[in-house]
Amino acid sequence: MGICASSQYISQGGIALKWPSTAKIIHLDGTLQELKHPIKAEQILSQNLGCFLCSSESMYINSHIPFIPQNEELKLGQIYFLMPLSRSHQTLSLHDLCTLAIKAHAALTH
C-alpha cells in the first residue's frame, strides 16, 4: 500500500522543530491510536480480540494481508491497521487498498 508516515515539522521563531514520531494504529471504526513508545503487537491485540495487525508498508494488490507477529515490536513512524480475523485469508483488491487509504487519510487528518 505504501502509506508512509513522513516526518512532520513545525516552525517556531524561524526554527524547524521535528515532532516526535509515533506508531499509528487505525482501528476498525477508523479511529486513530498513536503510540509514543514502541510496544509489542500483543498489547494492542489483547485489547482487540478477533483482530490482527498489519503494516501499511506490506500490503499489496492481489496478495494476502501479512500478520504482524504478536511478539513483534511496533515501529515508530509506521502506520498499522487492525483487521478482522475473517479477512486474514482473503487477498487484497485495488478497491480494498483504496478503502484503507481513505480510512487512513480520514484518521490522520482529524
N, C-alpha and C. Protein backbone atom coordinates (compact mmCIF):
# COMPACT_ATOMS: atom_id res chain seq x y z
N MET A 1 0.84 -1.17 0.00
CA MET A 1 0.00 0.00 0.00
C MET A 1 0.88 1.23 0.00
N GLY A 2 1.95 1.16 0.76
CA GLY A 2 2.93 2.21 0.71
C GLY A 2 2.53 3.51 1.36
N ILE A 3 1.60 3.49 2.32
CA ILE A 3 1.28 4.72 3.03
C ILE A 3 2.43 4.97 3.99
N CYS A 4 3.15 6.05 3.80
CA CYS A 4 4.30 6.34 4.64
C CYS A 4 3.97 7.48 5.59
N ALA A 5 4.47 7.38 6.79
CA ALA A 5 4.32 8.47 7.75
C ALA A 5 5.58 9.31 7.66
N SER A 6 5.49 10.43 6.99
CA SER A 6 6.68 11.27 6.85
C SER A 6 6.88 12.09 8.10
N SER A 7 8.11 12.51 8.29
CA SER A 7 8.41 13.37 9.43
C SER A 7 7.66 14.68 9.27
N GLN A 8 7.16 15.21 10.37
CA GLN A 8 6.42 16.46 10.33
C GLN A 8 7.21 17.50 11.10
N TYR A 9 7.15 18.73 10.61
CA TYR A 9 7.89 19.80 11.24
C TYR A 9 6.97 20.97 11.54
N ILE A 10 7.29 21.69 12.60
CA ILE A 10 6.61 22.94 12.89
C ILE A 10 7.68 24.01 12.99
N SER A 11 7.30 25.21 12.71
CA SER A 11 8.25 26.31 12.79
C SER A 11 7.94 27.14 14.01
N GLN A 12 8.96 27.41 14.79
CA GLN A 12 8.78 28.21 16.00
C GLN A 12 9.89 29.24 16.01
N GLY A 13 9.53 30.48 15.75
CA GLY A 13 10.52 31.55 15.72
C GLY A 13 11.57 31.33 14.64
N GLY A 14 11.16 30.76 13.50
CA GLY A 14 12.09 30.53 12.40
C GLY A 14 12.91 29.26 12.55
N ILE A 15 12.71 28.51 13.63
CA ILE A 15 13.45 27.27 13.85
C ILE A 15 12.50 26.10 13.61
N ALA A 16 12.91 25.17 12.76
CA ALA A 16 12.09 23.99 12.49
C ALA A 16 12.33 22.96 13.59
N LEU A 17 11.24 22.53 14.21
CA LEU A 17 11.31 21.51 15.25
C LEU A 17 10.65 20.24 14.74
N LYS A 18 11.30 19.12 14.91
CA LYS A 18 10.73 17.85 14.47
C LYS A 18 9.77 17.33 15.54
N TRP A 19 8.54 16.95 15.12
CA TRP A 19 7.60 16.34 16.04
C TRP A 19 8.08 14.93 16.33
N PRO A 20 7.85 14.46 17.54
CA PRO A 20 8.24 13.09 17.83
C PRO A 20 7.44 12.12 16.97
N SER A 21 8.11 11.12 16.48
CA SER A 21 7.48 10.11 15.64
C SER A 21 6.65 9.18 16.52
N THR A 22 5.53 8.72 15.98
CA THR A 22 4.67 7.80 16.70
C THR A 22 4.32 6.62 15.81
N ALA A 23 3.98 5.51 16.42
CA ALA A 23 3.37 4.40 15.69
C ALA A 23 1.88 4.71 15.66
N LYS A 24 1.28 4.59 14.50
CA LYS A 24 -0.13 4.93 14.33
C LYS A 24 -0.92 3.66 14.03
N ILE A 25 -2.00 3.47 14.77
CA ILE A 25 -2.86 2.31 14.57
C ILE A 25 -4.24 2.80 14.17
N ILE A 26 -4.71 2.35 13.01
CA ILE A 26 -6.05 2.67 12.53
C ILE A 26 -6.96 1.52 12.95
N HIS A 27 -7.94 1.83 13.80
CA HIS A 27 -8.86 0.81 14.31
C HIS A 27 -9.96 0.51 13.29
N LEU A 28 -10.70 -0.56 13.53
CA LEU A 28 -11.77 -0.97 12.62
C LEU A 28 -12.77 0.15 12.36
N ASP A 29 -13.06 0.93 13.39
CA ASP A 29 -14.04 2.01 13.24
C ASP A 29 -13.43 3.30 12.68
N GLY A 30 -12.14 3.26 12.32
CA GLY A 30 -11.48 4.42 11.73
C GLY A 30 -10.80 5.34 12.73
N THR A 31 -10.90 5.03 14.01
CA THR A 31 -10.23 5.89 14.99
C THR A 31 -8.72 5.65 14.95
N LEU A 32 -7.99 6.68 15.33
CA LEU A 32 -6.53 6.64 15.31
C LEU A 32 -6.01 6.52 16.73
N GLN A 33 -5.09 5.59 16.94
CA GLN A 33 -4.38 5.46 18.21
C GLN A 33 -2.91 5.70 17.92
N GLU A 34 -2.30 6.63 18.64
CA GLU A 34 -0.88 6.92 18.45
C GLU A 34 -0.10 6.46 19.67
N LEU A 35 1.01 5.81 19.40
CA LEU A 35 1.88 5.30 20.46
C LEU A 35 3.20 6.05 20.40
N LYS A 36 3.58 6.64 21.51
CA LYS A 36 4.83 7.41 21.56
C LYS A 36 6.05 6.54 21.81
N HIS A 37 5.80 5.31 22.31
CA HIS A 37 6.89 4.39 22.61
C HIS A 37 6.58 3.05 21.94
N PRO A 38 7.60 2.36 21.46
CA PRO A 38 7.35 1.04 20.85
C PRO A 38 6.77 0.07 21.88
N ILE A 39 5.78 -0.70 21.45
CA ILE A 39 5.22 -1.77 22.28
C ILE A 39 5.06 -3.00 21.40
N LYS A 40 4.85 -4.13 22.03
CA LYS A 40 4.64 -5.38 21.29
C LYS A 40 3.21 -5.40 20.73
N ALA A 41 3.06 -6.02 19.58
CA ALA A 41 1.75 -6.13 18.94
C ALA A 41 0.73 -6.79 19.86
N GLU A 42 1.17 -7.74 20.67
CA GLU A 42 0.24 -8.46 21.55
C GLU A 42 -0.49 -7.52 22.51
N GLN A 43 0.12 -6.40 22.88
CA GLN A 43 -0.54 -5.46 23.78
C GLN A 43 -1.76 -4.82 23.11
N ILE A 44 -1.66 -4.55 21.83
CA ILE A 44 -2.80 -4.00 21.08
C ILE A 44 -3.83 -5.09 20.82
N LEU A 45 -3.35 -6.27 20.44
CA LEU A 45 -4.26 -7.37 20.10
C LEU A 45 -5.05 -7.86 21.30
N SER A 46 -4.47 -7.81 22.49
CA SER A 46 -5.18 -8.26 23.69
C SER A 46 -6.38 -7.36 24.00
N GLN A 47 -6.36 -6.14 23.49
CA GLN A 47 -7.47 -5.20 23.69
C GLN A 47 -8.43 -5.21 22.51
N ASN A 48 -8.10 -5.97 21.46
CA ASN A 48 -8.91 -6.00 20.24
C ASN A 48 -9.04 -7.45 19.78
N LEU A 49 -9.82 -8.22 20.55
CA LEU A 49 -10.00 -9.63 20.25
C LEU A 49 -10.67 -9.81 18.89
N GLY A 50 -10.29 -10.86 18.19
CA GLY A 50 -10.87 -11.12 16.88
C GLY A 50 -10.24 -10.30 15.78
N CYS A 51 -9.09 -9.68 16.07
CA CYS A 51 -8.40 -8.84 15.09
C CYS A 51 -6.94 -9.25 14.95
N PHE A 52 -6.33 -8.80 13.86
CA PHE A 52 -4.89 -8.92 13.70
C PHE A 52 -4.37 -7.59 13.22
N LEU A 53 -3.07 -7.37 13.37
CA LEU A 53 -2.42 -6.14 12.94
C LEU A 53 -1.65 -6.39 11.66
N CYS A 54 -1.67 -5.39 10.78
CA CYS A 54 -0.85 -5.45 9.57
C CYS A 54 -0.25 -4.06 9.34
N SER A 55 0.89 -4.05 8.69
CA SER A 55 1.59 -2.80 8.40
C SER A 55 1.17 -2.29 7.04
N SER A 56 0.97 -0.99 6.94
CA SER A 56 0.61 -0.39 5.65
C SER A 56 1.72 -0.59 4.62
N GLU A 57 2.94 -0.81 5.09
CA GLU A 57 4.08 -0.96 4.19
C GLU A 57 4.14 -2.32 3.51
N SER A 58 3.34 -3.28 3.97
CA SER A 58 3.44 -4.63 3.41
C SER A 58 2.11 -5.12 2.83
N MET A 59 1.30 -4.18 2.35
CA MET A 59 0.01 -4.53 1.77
C MET A 59 0.06 -4.28 0.26
N TYR A 60 -0.25 -5.32 -0.51
CA TYR A 60 -0.16 -5.23 -1.97
C TYR A 60 -1.40 -5.83 -2.62
N ILE A 61 -1.74 -5.31 -3.78
CA ILE A 61 -2.88 -5.81 -4.55
C ILE A 61 -2.67 -7.28 -4.89
N ASN A 62 -3.74 -8.05 -4.78
CA ASN A 62 -3.77 -9.48 -5.11
C ASN A 62 -2.85 -10.33 -4.23
N SER A 63 -2.59 -9.88 -3.01
CA SER A 63 -1.81 -10.70 -2.08
C SER A 63 -2.56 -10.77 -0.75
N HIS A 64 -2.21 -11.78 0.04
CA HIS A 64 -2.82 -11.91 1.36
C HIS A 64 -2.26 -10.84 2.28
N ILE A 65 -3.04 -10.49 3.27
CA ILE A 65 -2.62 -9.47 4.23
C ILE A 65 -1.67 -10.13 5.23
N PRO A 66 -0.42 -9.68 5.30
CA PRO A 66 0.52 -10.31 6.24
C PRO A 66 0.27 -9.85 7.68
N PHE A 67 0.25 -10.82 8.58
CA PHE A 67 0.08 -10.55 10.02
C PHE A 67 1.36 -9.96 10.59
N ILE A 68 1.22 -9.08 11.56
CA ILE A 68 2.35 -8.68 12.40
C ILE A 68 2.37 -9.71 13.54
N PRO A 69 3.48 -10.43 13.73
CA PRO A 69 3.54 -11.42 14.82
C PRO A 69 3.30 -10.75 16.18
N GLN A 70 2.66 -11.48 17.08
CA GLN A 70 2.32 -10.92 18.39
C GLN A 70 3.53 -10.45 19.16
N ASN A 71 4.66 -11.10 18.99
CA ASN A 71 5.85 -10.72 19.76
C ASN A 71 6.69 -9.64 19.07
N GLU A 72 6.22 -9.14 17.93
CA GLU A 72 6.97 -8.10 17.22
C GLU A 72 6.67 -6.73 17.81
N GLU A 73 7.71 -5.92 17.93
CA GLU A 73 7.56 -4.57 18.44
C GLU A 73 7.08 -3.66 17.30
N LEU A 74 6.07 -2.85 17.59
CA LEU A 74 5.57 -1.91 16.59
C LEU A 74 6.57 -0.76 16.47
N LYS A 75 6.86 -0.38 15.25
CA LYS A 75 7.90 0.62 14.99
C LYS A 75 7.32 2.03 14.92
N LEU A 76 8.01 2.96 15.54
CA LEU A 76 7.61 4.36 15.45
C LEU A 76 7.75 4.82 14.00
N GLY A 77 6.84 5.67 13.57
CA GLY A 77 6.86 6.17 12.20
C GLY A 77 6.08 5.29 11.23
N GLN A 78 5.54 4.17 11.69
CA GLN A 78 4.79 3.26 10.83
C GLN A 78 3.29 3.41 11.07
N ILE A 79 2.52 3.06 10.06
CA ILE A 79 1.06 3.03 10.17
C ILE A 79 0.62 1.57 10.12
N TYR A 80 -0.21 1.20 11.08
CA TYR A 80 -0.73 -0.17 11.18
C TYR A 80 -2.25 -0.14 11.11
N PHE A 81 -2.82 -1.20 10.58
CA PHE A 81 -4.26 -1.36 10.54
C PHE A 81 -4.66 -2.56 11.39
N LEU A 82 -5.71 -2.39 12.19
CA LEU A 82 -6.36 -3.53 12.83
C LEU A 82 -7.35 -4.07 11.81
N MET A 83 -7.30 -5.37 11.58
CA MET A 83 -8.18 -6.01 10.61
C MET A 83 -8.91 -7.16 11.29
N PRO A 84 -10.15 -7.43 10.90
CA PRO A 84 -10.86 -8.58 11.48
C PRO A 84 -10.22 -9.89 11.02
N LEU A 85 -10.17 -10.87 11.91
CA LEU A 85 -9.58 -12.17 11.56
C LEU A 85 -10.25 -12.79 10.34
N SER A 86 -11.51 -12.46 10.10
CA SER A 86 -12.22 -13.01 8.94
C SER A 86 -11.57 -12.59 7.61
N ARG A 87 -10.76 -11.53 7.63
CA ARG A 87 -10.08 -11.06 6.42
C ARG A 87 -8.69 -11.69 6.24
N SER A 88 -8.28 -12.51 7.18
CA SER A 88 -6.90 -13.00 7.20
C SER A 88 -6.52 -13.89 6.02
N HIS A 89 -7.48 -14.52 5.38
CA HIS A 89 -7.15 -15.41 4.27
C HIS A 89 -7.63 -14.86 2.93
N GLN A 90 -8.07 -13.62 2.92
CA GLN A 90 -8.53 -13.01 1.68
C GLN A 90 -7.39 -12.24 1.03
N THR A 91 -7.45 -12.13 -0.29
CA THR A 91 -6.48 -11.30 -0.99
C THR A 91 -7.02 -9.88 -1.08
N LEU A 92 -6.11 -8.94 -1.15
CA LEU A 92 -6.48 -7.53 -1.22
C LEU A 92 -6.72 -7.10 -2.67
N SER A 93 -7.82 -6.45 -2.88
CA SER A 93 -8.11 -5.90 -4.21
C SER A 93 -7.70 -4.43 -4.22
N LEU A 94 -7.68 -3.85 -5.40
CA LEU A 94 -7.41 -2.42 -5.51
C LEU A 94 -8.44 -1.63 -4.71
N HIS A 95 -9.70 -2.06 -4.78
CA HIS A 95 -10.77 -1.40 -4.03
C HIS A 95 -10.49 -1.47 -2.52
N ASP A 96 -10.06 -2.64 -2.03
CA ASP A 96 -9.73 -2.78 -0.60
C ASP A 96 -8.64 -1.79 -0.19
N LEU A 97 -7.58 -1.70 -0.99
CA LEU A 97 -6.47 -0.80 -0.66
C LEU A 97 -6.90 0.66 -0.70
N CYS A 98 -7.73 1.01 -1.66
CA CYS A 98 -8.24 2.38 -1.73
C CYS A 98 -9.10 2.71 -0.52
N THR A 99 -9.93 1.76 -0.10
CA THR A 99 -10.77 1.95 1.08
C THR A 99 -9.91 2.17 2.32
N LEU A 100 -8.85 1.37 2.47
CA LEU A 100 -7.94 1.54 3.61
C LEU A 100 -7.20 2.87 3.55
N ALA A 101 -6.80 3.28 2.36
CA ALA A 101 -6.11 4.57 2.20
C ALA A 101 -7.03 5.73 2.60
N ILE A 102 -8.29 5.65 2.21
CA ILE A 102 -9.26 6.69 2.58
C ILE A 102 -9.48 6.70 4.08
N LYS A 103 -9.58 5.51 4.69
CA LYS A 103 -9.75 5.40 6.14
C LYS A 103 -8.54 6.00 6.87
N ALA A 104 -7.34 5.71 6.38
CA ALA A 104 -6.12 6.25 6.99
C ALA A 104 -6.07 7.77 6.85
N HIS A 105 -6.39 8.26 5.67
CA HIS A 105 -6.38 9.71 5.44
C HIS A 105 -7.34 10.42 6.39
N ALA A 106 -8.55 9.87 6.51
CA ALA A 106 -9.54 10.47 7.40
C ALA A 106 -9.05 10.48 8.85
N ALA A 107 -8.44 9.38 9.29
CA ALA A 107 -7.96 9.29 10.67
C ALA A 107 -6.79 10.23 10.91
N LEU A 108 -5.91 10.36 9.94
CA LEU A 108 -4.69 11.16 10.12
C LEU A 108 -4.93 12.66 10.00
N THR A 109 -6.03 13.05 9.38
CA THR A 109 -6.29 14.48 9.18
C THR A 109 -7.28 15.05 10.18
N HIS A 110 -7.74 14.25 11.12
CA HIS A 110 -8.67 14.77 12.14
C HIS A 110 -7.94 15.13 13.38
